[in-house]
């Protein structure tokens, strides 16, 4: 059964400007070290950072306002095939267990100006 659905869109240039302004402080507050490493291995790191941020926001929308979530408790990674997935930690992991959320389906897409993410939670 579907527990929740969330969608988020982000302007890539907004992420670039934010990182340029706030640097490492921003990156560490929003992303895990694995996400930062993955994104900066890419030719265009802001595309990957942007869709990961959108995925985190989409997940928060999918759970509603039931709990406050730290963005670093949401980790967006990729399988070897390239398919993205979400790994949850901390309070969010406990929340998933409590609500019997067993799967977080994730779809990411980007083009030159925008990135978008869709999350479907299933219990």
PDB file of N, CA and C in Angstrom:
ATOM      1  N   UNK A   1       0.835  -1.165   0.000  1.00  0.00           N
ATOM      2  CA  UNK A   1       0.000   0.000   0.000  1.00  0.00           C
ATOM      3  C   UNK A   1       0.896   1.249   0.000  1.00  0.00           C
ATOM      4  N   UNK A   2       0.451   2.282  -0.674  1.00  0.00           N
ATOM      5  CA  UNK A   2       1.197   3.544  -0.748  1.00  0.00           C
ATOM      6  C   UNK A   2       1.021   4.298   0.572  1.00  0.00           C
ATOM      7  N   UNK A   3       2.125   4.668   1.185  1.00  0.00           N
ATOM      8  CA  UNK A   3       2.088   5.467   2.417  1.00  0.00           C
ATOM      9  C   UNK A   3       2.083   6.960   2.080  1.00  0.00           C
ATOM     10  N   UNK A   4       2.903   7.346   1.085  1.00  0.00           N
ATOM     11  CA  UNK A   4       2.994   8.754   0.726  1.00  0.00           C
ATOM     12  C   UNK A   4       3.752   8.950  -0.575  1.00  0.00           C
ATOM     13  N   UNK A   5       3.501  10.101  -1.195  1.00  0.00           N
ATOM     14  CA  UNK A   5       4.160  10.467  -2.451  1.00  0.00           C
ATOM     15  C   UNK A   5       4.672  11.903  -2.304  1.00  0.00           C
ATOM     16  N   UNK A   6       5.888  12.146  -2.775  1.00  0.00           N
ATOM     17  CA  UNK A   6       6.441  13.487  -2.748  1.00  0.00           C
ATOM     18  C   UNK A   6       7.196  13.788  -4.026  1.00  0.00           C
ATOM     19  N   UNK A   7       7.108  15.023  -4.466  1.00  0.00           N
ATOM     20  CA  UNK A   7       7.808  15.474  -5.677  1.00  0.00           C
ATOM     21  C   UNK A   7       8.465  16.811  -5.352  1.00  0.00           C
ATOM     22  N   UNK A   8       9.655  17.032  -5.890  1.00  0.00           N
ATOM     23  CA  UNK A   8      10.318  18.316  -5.710  1.00  0.00           C
ATOM     24  C   UNK A   8      11.104  18.656  -6.967  1.00  0.00           C
ATOM     25  N   UNK A   9      11.169  19.937  -7.261  1.00  0.00           N
ATOM     26  CA  UNK A   9      11.929  20.436  -8.406  1.00  0.00           C
ATOM     27  C   UNK A   9      12.878  21.512  -7.898  1.00  0.00           C
ATOM     28  N   UNK A  10      14.045  21.582  -8.499  1.00  0.00           N
ATOM     29  CA  UNK A  10      15.044  22.561  -8.060  1.00  0.00           C
ATOM     30  C   UNK A  10      15.760  23.144  -9.274  1.00  0.00           C
ATOM     31  N   UNK A  11      16.079  24.399  -9.177  1.00  0.00           N
ATOM     32  CA  UNK A  11      16.863  25.050 -10.223  1.00  0.00           C
ATOM     33  C   UNK A  11      18.345  24.777  -9.939  1.00  0.00           C
ATOM     34  N   UNK A  12      19.032  24.202 -10.904  1.00  0.00           N
ATOM     35  CA  UNK A  12      20.433  23.798 -10.731  1.00  0.00           C
ATOM     36  C   UNK A  12      21.309  24.999 -10.348  1.00  0.00           C
ATOM     37  N   UNK A  13      21.081  26.144 -10.969  1.00  0.00           N
ATOM     38  CA  UNK A  13      21.890  27.325 -10.697  1.00  0.00           C
ATOM     39  C   UNK A  13      21.739  27.792  -9.249  1.00  0.00           C
ATOM     40  N   UNK A  14      20.579  27.565  -8.663  1.00  0.00           N
ATOM     41  CA  UNK A  14      20.368  27.921  -7.254  1.00  0.00           C
ATOM     42  C   UNK A  14      21.299  27.099  -6.359  1.00  0.00           C
ATOM     43  N   UNK A  15      21.447  25.812  -6.663  1.00  0.00           N
ATOM     44  CA  UNK A  15      22.359  24.957  -5.887  1.00  0.00           C
ATOM     45  C   UNK A  15      23.795  25.435  -6.072  1.00  0.00           C
ATOM     46  N   UNK A  16      24.167  25.728  -7.306  1.00  0.00           N
ATOM     47  CA  UNK A  16      25.534  26.204  -7.588  1.00  0.00           C
ATOM     48  C   UNK A  16      25.835  27.471  -6.771  1.00  0.00           C
ATOM     49  N   UNK A  17      24.925  28.437  -6.792  1.00  0.00           N
ATOM     50  CA  UNK A  17      25.132  29.695  -6.068  1.00  0.00           C
ATOM     51  C   UNK A  17      25.197  29.478  -4.558  1.00  0.00           C
ATOM     52  N   UNK A  18      24.376  28.584  -4.048  1.00  0.00           N
ATOM     53  CA  UNK A  18      24.374  28.301  -2.610  1.00  0.00           C
ATOM     54  C   UNK A  18      25.690  27.675  -2.188  1.00  0.00           C
ATOM     55  N   UNK A  19      26.173  26.713  -2.967  1.00  0.00           N
ATOM     56  CA  UNK A  19      27.448  26.065  -2.637  1.00  0.00           C
ATOM     57  C   UNK A  19      28.597  27.068  -2.760  1.00  0.00           C
ATOM     58  N   UNK A  20      28.565  27.898  -3.781  1.00  0.00           N
ATOM     59  CA  UNK A  20      29.622  28.902  -3.942  1.00  0.00           C
ATOM     60  C   UNK A  20      29.632  29.880  -2.765  1.00  0.00           C
ATOM     61  N   UNK A  21      28.453  30.215  -2.262  1.00  0.00           N
ATOM     62  CA  UNK A  21      28.357  31.178  -1.158  1.00  0.00           C
ATOM     63  C   UNK A  21      28.723  30.563   0.186  1.00  0.00           C
ATOM     64  N   UNK A  22      28.188  29.377   0.491  1.00  0.00           N
ATOM     65  CA  UNK A  22      28.326  28.784   1.824  1.00  0.00           C
ATOM     66  C   UNK A  22      29.340  27.652   1.897  1.00  0.00           C
ATOM     67  N   UNK A  23      29.726  27.098   0.749  1.00  0.00           N
ATOM     68  CA  UNK A  23      30.784  26.095   0.686  1.00  0.00           C
ATOM     69  C   UNK A  23      30.559  24.848   1.511  1.00  0.00           C
ATOM     70  N   UNK A  24      31.635  24.407   2.138  1.00  0.00           N
ATOM     71  CA  UNK A  24      31.654  23.149   2.890  1.00  0.00           C
ATOM     72  C   UNK A  24      30.632  23.138   4.026  1.00  0.00           C
ATOM     73  N   UNK A  25      30.405  24.275   4.631  1.00  0.00           N
ATOM     74  CA  UNK A  25      29.434  24.366   5.739  1.00  0.00           C
ATOM     75  C   UNK A  25      28.045  23.924   5.267  1.00  0.00           C
ATOM     76  N   UNK A  26      27.636  24.417   4.127  1.00  0.00           N
ATOM     77  CA  UNK A  26      26.340  24.023   3.557  1.00  0.00           C
ATOM     78  C   UNK A  26      26.341  22.547   3.175  1.00  0.00           C
ATOM     79  N   UNK A  27      27.365  22.122   2.464  1.00  0.00           N
ATOM     80  CA  UNK A  27      27.435  20.737   1.995  1.00  0.00           C
ATOM     81  C   UNK A  27      27.324  19.753   3.151  1.00  0.00           C
ATOM     82  N   UNK A  28      28.041  19.988   4.237  1.00  0.00           N
ATOM     83  CA  UNK A  28      28.030  19.065   5.361  1.00  0.00           C
ATOM     84  C   UNK A  28      26.725  19.099   6.146  1.00  0.00           C
ATOM     85  N   UNK A  29      26.006  20.209   6.074  1.00  0.00           N
ATOM     86  CA  UNK A  29      24.722  20.304   6.773  1.00  0.00           C
ATOM     87  C   UNK A  29      23.612  19.582   6.020  1.00  0.00           C
ATOM     88  N   UNK A  30      23.777  19.450   4.691  1.00  0.00           N
ATOM     89  CA  UNK A  30      22.717  18.905   3.848  1.00  0.00           C
ATOM     90  C   UNK A  30      23.017  17.499   3.335  1.00  0.00           C
ATOM     91  N   UNK A  31      24.272  17.212   3.037  1.00  0.00           N
ATOM     92  CA  UNK A  31      24.642  15.960   2.382  1.00  0.00           C
ATOM     93  C   UNK A  31      25.559  15.113   3.264  1.00  0.00           C
ATOM     94  N   UNK A  32      25.509  13.800   3.049  1.00  0.00           N
ATOM     95  CA  UNK A  32      26.441  12.904   3.733  1.00  0.00           C
ATOM     96  C   UNK A  32      27.779  12.945   2.999  1.00  0.00           C
ATOM     97  N   UNK A  33      28.818  12.459   3.650  1.00  0.00           N
ATOM     98  CA  UNK A  33      30.138  12.451   3.000  1.00  0.00           C
ATOM     99  C   UNK A  33      30.113  11.573   1.750  1.00  0.00           C
ATOM    100  N   UNK A  34      29.359  10.464   1.770  1.00  0.00           N
ATOM    101  CA  UNK A  34      29.243   9.608   0.578  1.00  0.00           C
ATOM    102  C   UNK A  34      28.610  10.362  -0.587  1.00  0.00           C
ATOM    103  N   UNK A  35      27.585  11.156  -0.299  1.00  0.00           N
ATOM    104  CA  UNK A  35      26.923  11.927  -1.358  1.00  0.00           C
ATOM    105  C   UNK A  35      27.863  12.981  -1.937  1.00  0.00           C
ATOM    106  N   UNK A  36      28.583  13.660  -1.070  1.00  0.00           N
ATOM    107  CA  UNK A  36      29.504  14.709  -1.525  1.00  0.00           C
ATOM    108  C   UNK A  36      30.584  14.104  -2.420  1.00  0.00           C
ATOM    109  N   UNK A  37      31.164  12.997  -1.981  1.00  0.00           N
ATOM    110  CA  UNK A  37      32.199  12.329  -2.778  1.00  0.00           C
ATOM    111  C   UNK A  37      31.645  11.918  -4.137  1.00  0.00           C
ATOM    112  N   UNK A  38      30.477  11.275  -4.145  1.00  0.00           N
ATOM    113  CA  UNK A  38      29.859  10.816  -5.388  1.00  0.00           C
ATOM    114  C   UNK A  38      29.633  11.986  -6.347  1.00  0.00           C
ATOM    115  N   UNK A  39      29.058  13.064  -5.843  1.00  0.00           N
ATOM    116  CA  UNK A  39      28.720  14.203  -6.708  1.00  0.00           C
ATOM    117  C   UNK A  39      29.956  14.884  -7.280  1.00  0.00           C
ATOM    118  N   UNK A  40      30.994  15.016  -6.470  1.00  0.00           N
ATOM    119  CA  UNK A  40      32.194  15.700  -6.940  1.00  0.00           C
ATOM    120  C   UNK A  40      33.084  14.824  -7.813  1.00  0.00           C
ATOM    121  N   UNK A  41      32.734  13.562  -7.957  1.00  0.00           N
ATOM    122  CA  UNK A  41      33.412  12.715  -8.941  1.00  0.00           C
ATOM    123  C   UNK A  41      32.817  12.921 -10.334  1.00  0.00           C
ATOM    124  N   UNK A  42      31.675  13.589 -10.405  1.00  0.00           N
ATOM    125  CA  UNK A  42      30.983  13.848 -11.670  1.00  0.00           C
ATOM    126  C   UNK A  42      31.560  15.085 -12.344  1.00  0.00           C
ATOM    127  N   UNK A  43      31.413  15.142 -13.664  1.00  0.00           N
ATOM    128  CA  UNK A  43      31.872  16.305 -14.421  1.00  0.00           C
ATOM    129  C   UNK A  43      31.093  17.562 -14.019  1.00  0.00           C
ATOM    130  N   UNK A  44      29.802  17.402 -13.754  1.00  0.00           N
ATOM    131  CA  UNK A  44      28.925  18.500 -13.333  1.00  0.00           C
ATOM    132  C   UNK A  44      28.336  18.172 -11.962  1.00  0.00           C
ATOM    133  N   UNK A  45      29.069  18.425 -10.883  1.00  0.00           N
ATOM    134  CA  UNK A  45      28.595  18.015  -9.553  1.00  0.00           C
ATOM    135  C   UNK A  45      27.276  18.660  -9.134  1.00  0.00           C
ATOM    136  N   UNK A  46      26.991  19.864  -9.640  1.00  0.00           N
ATOM    137  CA  UNK A  46      25.772  20.560  -9.204  1.00  0.00           C
ATOM    138  C   UNK A  46      24.503  19.873  -9.691  1.00  0.00           C
ATOM    139  N   UNK A  47      24.580  19.160 -10.808  1.00  0.00           N
ATOM    140  CA  UNK A  47      23.421  18.384 -11.260  1.00  0.00           C
ATOM    141  C   UNK A  47      23.091  17.302 -10.234  1.00  0.00           C
ATOM    142  N   UNK A  48      24.111  16.554  -9.820  1.00  0.00           N
ATOM    143  CA  UNK A  48      23.913  15.470  -8.865  1.00  0.00           C
ATOM    144  C   UNK A  48      23.541  15.989  -7.481  1.00  0.00           C
ATOM    145  N   UNK A  49      24.173  17.071  -7.039  1.00  0.00           N
ATOM    146  CA  UNK A  49      23.810  17.663  -5.753  1.00  0.00           C
ATOM    147  C   UNK A  49      22.358  18.125  -5.769  1.00  0.00           C
ATOM    148  N   UNK A  50      21.958  18.748  -6.862  1.00  0.00           N
ATOM    149  CA  UNK A  50      20.601  19.276  -6.967  1.00  0.00           C
ATOM    150  C   UNK A  50      19.535  18.189  -6.884  1.00  0.00           C
ATOM    151  N   UNK A  51      19.703  17.111  -7.647  1.00  0.00           N
ATOM    152  CA  UNK A  51      18.664  16.069  -7.619  1.00  0.00           C
ATOM    153  C   UNK A  51      18.667  15.344  -6.277  1.00  0.00           C
ATOM    154  N   UNK A  52      19.816  15.254  -5.614  1.00  0.00           N
ATOM    155  CA  UNK A  52      19.835  14.650  -4.282  1.00  0.00           C
ATOM    156  C   UNK A  52      19.098  15.530  -3.279  1.00  0.00           C
ATOM    157  N   UNK A  53      19.291  16.824  -3.383  1.00  0.00           N
ATOM    158  CA  UNK A  53      18.549  17.748  -2.519  1.00  0.00           C
ATOM    159  C   UNK A  53      17.049  17.625  -2.797  1.00  0.00           C
ATOM    160  N   UNK A  54      16.676  17.587  -4.067  1.00  0.00           N
ATOM    161  CA  UNK A  54      15.261  17.441  -4.432  1.00  0.00           C
ATOM    162  C   UNK A  54      14.697  16.124  -3.898  1.00  0.00           C
ATOM    163  N   UNK A  55      15.490  15.053  -3.927  1.00  0.00           N
ATOM    164  CA  UNK A  55      15.044  13.756  -3.409  1.00  0.00           C
ATOM    165  C   UNK A  55      14.773  13.832  -1.909  1.00  0.00           C
ATOM    166  N   UNK A  56      15.638  14.519  -1.184  1.00  0.00           N
ATOM    167  CA  UNK A  56      15.445  14.674   0.256  1.00  0.00           C
ATOM    168  C   UNK A  56      14.165  15.448   0.536  1.00  0.00           C
ATOM    169  N   UNK A  57      13.952  16.525  -0.204  1.00  0.00           N
ATOM    170  CA  UNK A  57      12.731  17.320  -0.041  1.00  0.00           C
ATOM    171  C   UNK A  57      11.486  16.506  -0.425  1.00  0.00           C
ATOM    172  N   UNK A  58      11.579  15.723  -1.480  1.00  0.00           N
ATOM    173  CA  UNK A  58      10.445  14.891  -1.903  1.00  0.00           C
ATOM    174  C   UNK A  58      10.119  13.842  -0.839  1.00  0.00           C
ATOM    175  N   UNK A  59      11.142  13.265  -0.221  1.00  0.00           N
ATOM    176  CA  UNK A  59      10.911  12.286   0.836  1.00  0.00           C
ATOM    177  C   UNK A  59      10.224  12.938   2.030  1.00  0.00           C
ATOM    178  N   UNK A  60      10.664  14.118   2.393  1.00  0.00           N
ATOM    179  CA  UNK A  60      10.036  14.838   3.507  1.00  0.00           C
ATOM    180  C   UNK A  60       8.573  15.118   3.192  1.00  0.00           C
ATOM    181  N   UNK A  61       8.278  15.488   1.964  1.00  0.00           N
ATOM    182  CA  UNK A  61       6.881  15.712   1.560  1.00  0.00           C
ATOM    183  C   UNK A  61       6.078  14.416   1.613  1.00  0.00           C
ATOM    184  N   UNK A  62       6.717  13.307   1.262  1.00  0.00           N
ATOM    185  CA  UNK A  62       6.017  12.019   1.254  1.00  0.00           C
ATOM    186  C   UNK A  62       5.645  11.558   2.659  1.00  0.00           C
ATOM    187  N   UNK A  63       6.452  11.905   3.668  1.00  0.00           N
ATOM    188  CA  UNK A  63       6.105  11.500   5.033  1.00  0.00           C
ATOM    189  C   UNK A  63       5.186  12.508   5.709  1.00  0.00           C
ATOM    190  N   UNK A  64       5.013  13.671   5.099  1.00  0.00           N
ATOM    191  CA  UNK A  64       4.153  14.685   5.700  1.00  0.00           C
ATOM    192  C   UNK A  64       4.883  15.397   6.824  1.00  0.00           C
ATOM    193  N   UNK A  65       4.141  16.006   7.703  1.00  0.00           N
ATOM    194  CA  UNK A  65       4.756  16.780   8.785  1.00  0.00           C
ATOM    195  C   UNK A  65       4.754  16.001  10.097  1.00  0.00           C
ATOM    196  N   UNK A  66       4.816  14.684  10.003  1.00  0.00           N
ATOM    197  CA  UNK A  66       4.728  13.855  11.202  1.00  0.00           C
ATOM    198  C   UNK A  66       5.970  13.938  12.088  1.00  0.00           C
ATOM    199  N   UNK A  67       7.160  14.121  11.509  1.00  0.00           N
ATOM    200  CA  UNK A  67       8.383  14.260  12.298  1.00  0.00           C
ATOM    201  C   UNK A  67       9.300  15.273  11.637  1.00  0.00           C
ATOM    202  N   UNK A  68      10.215  15.812  12.430  1.00  0.00           N
ATOM    203  CA  UNK A  68      11.252  16.689  11.903  1.00  0.00           C
ATOM    204  C   UNK A  68      12.418  15.806  11.484  1.00  0.00           C
ATOM    205  N   UNK A  69      12.935  16.066  10.298  1.00  0.00           N
ATOM    206  CA  UNK A  69      13.958  15.201   9.720  1.00  0.00           C
ATOM    207  C   UNK A  69      15.238  15.985   9.467  1.00  0.00           C
ATOM    208  N   UNK A  70      16.366  15.398   9.835  1.00  0.00           N
ATOM    209  CA  UNK A  70      17.665  15.947   9.471  1.00  0.00           C
ATOM    210  C   UNK A  70      17.964  15.504   8.036  1.00  0.00           C
ATOM    211  N   UNK A  71      18.379  16.421   7.202  1.00  0.00           N
ATOM    212  CA  UNK A  71      18.663  16.075   5.809  1.00  0.00           C
ATOM    213  C   UNK A  71      19.775  15.042   5.674  1.00  0.00           C
ATOM    214  N   UNK A  72      20.685  14.999   6.637  1.00  0.00           N
ATOM    215  CA  UNK A  72      21.766  14.011   6.558  1.00  0.00           C
ATOM    216  C   UNK A  72      21.314  12.618   7.019  1.00  0.00           C
ATOM    217  N   UNK A  73      20.089  12.509   7.530  1.00  0.00           N
ATOM    218  CA  UNK A  73      19.513  11.187   7.828  1.00  0.00           C
ATOM    219  C   UNK A  73      18.913  10.548   6.576  1.00  0.00           C
ATOM    220  N   UNK A  74      18.932  11.304   5.487  1.00  0.00           N
ATOM    221  CA  UNK A  74      18.476  10.805   4.184  1.00  0.00           C
ATOM    222  C   UNK A  74      19.699  10.768   3.282  1.00  0.00           C
ATOM    223  N   UNK A  75      20.037   9.584   2.797  1.00  0.00           N
ATOM    224  CA  UNK A  75      21.201   9.456   1.913  1.00  0.00           C
ATOM    225  C   UNK A  75      20.742   8.897   0.572  1.00  0.00           C
ATOM    226  N   UNK A  76      21.058   9.615  -0.481  1.00  0.00           N
ATOM    227  CA  UNK A  76      20.699   9.187  -1.834  1.00  0.00           C
ATOM    228  C   UNK A  76      21.961   8.629  -2.488  1.00  0.00           C
ATOM    229  N   UNK A  77      21.907   7.351  -2.821  1.00  0.00           N
ATOM    230  CA  UNK A  77      23.046   6.673  -3.428  1.00  0.00           C
ATOM    231  C   UNK A  77      22.587   5.995  -4.719  1.00  0.00           C
ATOM    232  N   UNK A  78      23.508   5.316  -5.379  1.00  0.00           N
ATOM    233  CA  UNK A  78      23.184   4.612  -6.619  1.00  0.00           C
ATOM    234  C   UNK A  78      23.695   3.182  -6.557  1.00  0.00           C
ATOM    235  N   UNK A  79      22.884   2.273  -7.081  1.00  0.00           N
ATOM    236  CA  UNK A  79      23.336   0.901  -7.273  1.00  0.00           C
ATOM    237  C   UNK A  79      24.373   0.906  -8.396  1.00  0.00           C
ATOM    238  N   UNK A  80      25.081  -0.177  -8.565  1.00  0.00           N
ATOM    239  CA  UNK A  80      26.065  -0.308  -9.631  1.00  0.00           C
ATOM    240  C   UNK A  80      25.473  -0.062 -11.006  1.00  0.00           C
ATOM    241  N   UNK A  81      24.189  -0.362 -11.163  1.00  0.00           N
ATOM    242  CA  UNK A  81      23.494  -0.157 -12.437  1.00  0.00           C
ATOM    243  C   UNK A  81      23.214   1.319 -12.716  1.00  0.00           C
ATOM    244  N   UNK A  82      23.401   2.160 -11.678  1.00  0.00           N
ATOM    245  CA  UNK A  82      23.103   3.583 -11.826  1.00  0.00           C
ATOM    246  C   UNK A  82      21.774   3.985 -11.209  1.00  0.00           C
ATOM    247  N   UNK A  83      20.925   3.017 -10.928  1.00  0.00           N
ATOM    248  CA  UNK A  83      19.604   3.303 -10.354  1.00  0.00           C
ATOM    249  C   UNK A  83      19.761   3.902  -8.948  1.00  0.00           C
ATOM    250  N   UNK A  84      19.097   5.042  -8.684  1.00  0.00           N
ATOM    251  CA  UNK A  84      19.230   5.662  -7.369  1.00  0.00           C
ATOM    252  C   UNK A  84      18.353   4.966  -6.324  1.00  0.00           C
ATOM    253  N   UNK A  85      18.808   5.066  -5.076  1.00  0.00           N
ATOM    254  CA  UNK A  85      18.006   4.558  -3.964  1.00  0.00           C
ATOM    255  C   UNK A  85      18.226   5.441  -2.744  1.00  0.00           C
ATOM    256  N   UNK A  86      17.300   5.322  -1.799  1.00  0.00           N
ATOM    257  CA  UNK A  86      17.367   6.106  -0.572  1.00  0.00           C
ATOM    258  C   UNK A  86      17.697   5.192   0.598  1.00  0.00           C
ATOM    259  N   UNK A  87      18.636   5.654   1.406  1.00  0.00           N
ATOM    260  CA  UNK A  87      18.985   4.973   2.649  1.00  0.00           C
ATOM    261  C   UNK A  87      18.644   5.943   3.783  1.00  0.00           C
ATOM    262  N   UNK A  88      17.898   5.467   4.785  1.00  0.00           N
ATOM    263  CA  UNK A  88      17.524   6.341   5.901  1.00  0.00           C
ATOM    264  C   UNK A  88      18.279   5.935   7.161  1.00  0.00           C
ATOM    265  N   UNK A  89      18.511   6.925   8.027  1.00  0.00           N
ATOM    266  CA  UNK A  89      19.254   6.712   9.267  1.00  0.00           C
ATOM    267  C   UNK A  89      18.536   7.441  10.410  1.00  0.00           C
ATOM    268  N   UNK A  90      19.016   7.224  11.617  1.00  0.00           N
ATOM    269  CA  UNK A  90      18.572   7.990  12.781  1.00  0.00           C
ATOM    270  C   UNK A  90      17.079   7.921  13.042  1.00  0.00           C
ATOM    271  N   UNK A  91      16.511   9.072  13.414  1.00  0.00           N
ATOM    272  CA  UNK A  91      15.071   9.153  13.722  1.00  0.00           C
ATOM    273  C   UNK A  91      14.214   8.704  12.555  1.00  0.00           C
ATOM    274  N   UNK A  92      14.667   8.986  11.351  1.00  0.00           N
ATOM    275  CA  UNK A  92      13.897   8.614  10.169  1.00  0.00           C
ATOM    276  C   UNK A  92      13.826   7.100  10.007  1.00  0.00           C
ATOM    277  N   UNK A  93      14.907   6.417  10.309  1.00  0.00           N
ATOM    278  CA  UNK A  93      14.901   4.956  10.237  1.00  0.00           C
ATOM    279  C   UNK A  93      13.897   4.383  11.243  1.00  0.00           C
ATOM    280  N   UNK A  94      13.875   4.934  12.442  1.00  0.00           N
ATOM    281  CA  UNK A  94      12.908   4.506  13.458  1.00  0.00           C
ATOM    282  C   UNK A  94      11.478   4.788  13.011  1.00  0.00           C
ATOM    283  N   UNK A  95      11.275   5.949  12.383  1.00  0.00           N
ATOM    284  CA  UNK A  95       9.951   6.309  11.877  1.00  0.00           C
ATOM    285  C   UNK A  95       9.494   5.319  10.807  1.00  0.00           C
ATOM    286  N   UNK A  96      10.398   4.960   9.901  1.00  0.00           N
ATOM    287  CA  UNK A  96      10.071   3.975   8.862  1.00  0.00           C
ATOM    288  C   UNK A  96       9.647   2.652   9.488  1.00  0.00           C
ATOM    289  N   UNK A  97      10.372   2.224  10.507  1.00  0.00           N
ATOM    290  CA  UNK A  97      10.028   0.970  11.181  1.00  0.00           C
ATOM    291  C   UNK A  97       8.662   1.074  11.852  1.00  0.00           C
ATOM    292  N   UNK A  98       8.422   2.178  12.550  1.00  0.00           N
ATOM    293  CA  UNK A  98       7.156   2.397  13.256  1.00  0.00           C
ATOM    294  C   UNK A  98       5.960   2.390  12.303  1.00  0.00           C
ATOM    295  N   UNK A  99       6.124   2.977  11.138  1.00  0.00           N
ATOM    296  CA  UNK A  99       5.043   3.078  10.151  1.00  0.00           C
ATOM    297  C   UNK A  99       5.052   1.926   9.148  1.00  0.00           C
ATOM    298  N   UNK A 100       5.949   0.980   9.348  1.00  0.00           N
ATOM    299  CA  UNK A 100       6.096  -0.185   8.455  1.00  0.00           C
ATOM    300  C   UNK A 100       6.372   0.212   7.008  1.00  0.00           C
ATOM    301  N   UNK A 101       7.119   1.287   6.830  1.00  0.00           N
ATOM    302  CA  UNK A 101       7.515   1.707   5.482  1.00  0.00           C
ATOM    303  C   UNK A 101       8.707   0.838   5.087  1.00  0.00           C
ATOM    304  N   UNK A 102       8.506   0.022   4.066  1.00  0.00           N
ATOM    305  CA  UNK A 102       9.552  -0.924   3.703  1.00  0.00           C
ATOM    306  C   UNK A 102      10.283  -0.552   2.426  1.00  0.00           C
ATOM    307  N   UNK A 103       9.687   0.311   1.617  1.00  0.00           N
ATOM    308  CA  UNK A 103      10.331   0.678   0.361  1.00  0.00           C
ATOM    309  C   UNK A 103      10.134   2.175   0.093  1.00  0.00           C
ATOM    310  N   UNK A 104      11.228   2.810  -0.333  1.00  0.00           N
ATOM    311  CA  UNK A 104      11.165   4.203  -0.788  1.00  0.00           C
ATOM    312  C   UNK A 104      11.586   4.196  -2.251  1.00  0.00           C
ATOM    313  N   UNK A 105      10.615   4.202  -3.143  1.00  0.00           N
ATOM    314  CA  UNK A 105      10.913   4.232  -4.581  1.00  0.00           C
ATOM    315  C   UNK A 105      11.365   5.644  -4.937  1.00  0.00           C
ATOM    316  N   UNK A 106      12.390   5.742  -5.767  1.00  0.00           N
ATOM    317  CA  UNK A 106      12.958   7.045  -6.111  1.00  0.00           C
ATOM    318  C   UNK A 106      13.219   7.150  -7.600  1.00  0.00           C
ATOM    319  N   UNK A 107      12.806   8.270  -8.168  1.00  0.00           N
ATOM    320  CA  UNK A 107      13.129   8.583  -9.553  1.00  0.00           C
ATOM    321  C   UNK A 107      13.724   9.983  -9.595  1.00  0.00           C
ATOM    322  N   UNK A 108      14.851  10.124 -10.281  1.00  0.00           N
ATOM    323  CA  UNK A 108      15.544  11.406 -10.415  1.00  0.00           C
ATOM    324  C   UNK A 108      15.709  11.749 -11.882  1.00  0.00           C
ATOM    325  N   UNK A 109      15.659  13.035 -12.181  1.00  0.00           N
ATOM    326  CA  UNK A 109      15.924  13.476 -13.548  1.00  0.00           C
ATOM    327  C   UNK A 109      16.459  14.900 -13.501  1.00  0.00           C
ATOM    328  N   UNK A 110      17.270  15.242 -14.478  1.00  0.00           N
ATOM    329  CA  UNK A 110      17.750  16.617 -14.577  1.00  0.00           C
ATOM    330  C   UNK A 110      18.048  16.947 -16.026  1.00  0.00           C
ATOM    331  N   UNK A 111      18.030  18.227 -16.281  1.00  0.00           N
ATOM    332  CA  UNK A 111      18.477  18.753 -17.557  1.00  0.00           C
ATOM    333  C   UNK A 111      19.260  20.010 -17.226  1.00  0.00           C
ATOM    334  N   UNK A 112      19.545  20.844 -18.154  1.00  0.00           N
ATOM    335  CA  UNK A 112      20.485  21.936 -17.912  1.00  0.00           C
ATOM    336  C   UNK A 112      20.066  22.897 -16.798  1.00  0.00           C
ATOM    337  N   UNK A 113      18.788  23.220 -16.693  1.00  0.00           N
ATOM    338  CA  UNK A 113      18.363  24.212 -15.717  1.00  0.00           C
ATOM    339  C   UNK A 113      17.717  23.656 -14.465  1.00  0.00           C
ATOM    340  N   UNK A 114      17.057  22.487 -14.571  1.00  0.00           N
ATOM    341  CA  UNK A 114      16.269  21.981 -13.453  1.00  0.00           C
ATOM    342  C   UNK A 114      16.561  20.521 -13.148  1.00  0.00           C
ATOM    343  N   UNK A 115      16.349  20.175 -11.875  1.00  0.00           N
ATOM    344  CA  UNK A 115      16.389  18.793 -11.434  1.00  0.00           C
ATOM    345  C   UNK A 115      15.066  18.488 -10.760  1.00  0.00           C
ATOM    346  N   UNK A 116      14.641  17.232 -10.830  1.00  0.00           N
ATOM    347  CA  UNK A 116      13.376  16.849 -10.234  1.00  0.00           C
ATOM    348  C   UNK A 116      13.528  15.470  -9.594  1.00  0.00           C
ATOM    349  N   UNK A 117      12.784  15.272  -8.511  1.00  0.00           N
ATOM    350  CA  UNK A 117      12.787  13.968  -7.836  1.00  0.00           C
ATOM    351  C   UNK A 117      11.367  13.605  -7.445  1.00  0.00           C
ATOM    352  N   UNK A 118      11.083  12.316  -7.520  1.00  0.00           N
ATOM    353  CA  UNK A 118       9.789  11.784  -7.099  1.00  0.00           C
ATOM    354  C   UNK A 118      10.055  10.604  -6.160  1.00  0.00           C
ATOM    355  N   UNK A 119       9.375  10.618  -5.015  1.00  0.00           N
ATOM    356  CA  UNK A 119       9.504   9.544  -4.034  1.00  0.00           C
ATOM    357  C   UNK A 119       8.136   8.965  -3.751  1.00  0.00           C
ATOM    358  N   UNK A 120       8.047   7.634  -3.773  1.00  0.00           N
ATOM    359  CA  UNK A 120       6.835   6.927  -3.398  1.00  0.00           C
ATOM    360  C   UNK A 120       7.206   5.986  -2.264  1.00  0.00           C
ATOM    361  N   UNK A 121       6.536   6.165  -1.115  1.00  0.00           N
ATOM    362  CA  UNK A 121       6.777   5.312   0.033  1.00  0.00           C
ATOM    363  C   UNK A 121       5.726   4.227   0.092  1.00  0.00           C
ATOM    364  N   UNK A 122       6.190   3.013   0.323  1.00  0.00           N
ATOM    365  CA  UNK A 122       5.299   1.841   0.324  1.00  0.00           C
ATOM    366  C   UNK A 122       5.428   1.106   1.662  1.00  0.00           C
ATOM    367  N   UNK A 123       4.252   0.741   2.229  1.00  0.00           N
ATOM    368  CA  UNK A 123       4.294  -0.064   3.447  1.00  0.00           C
ATOM    369  C   UNK A 123       3.465  -1.308   3.291  1.00  0.00           C
TER     370      UNK A 123
END
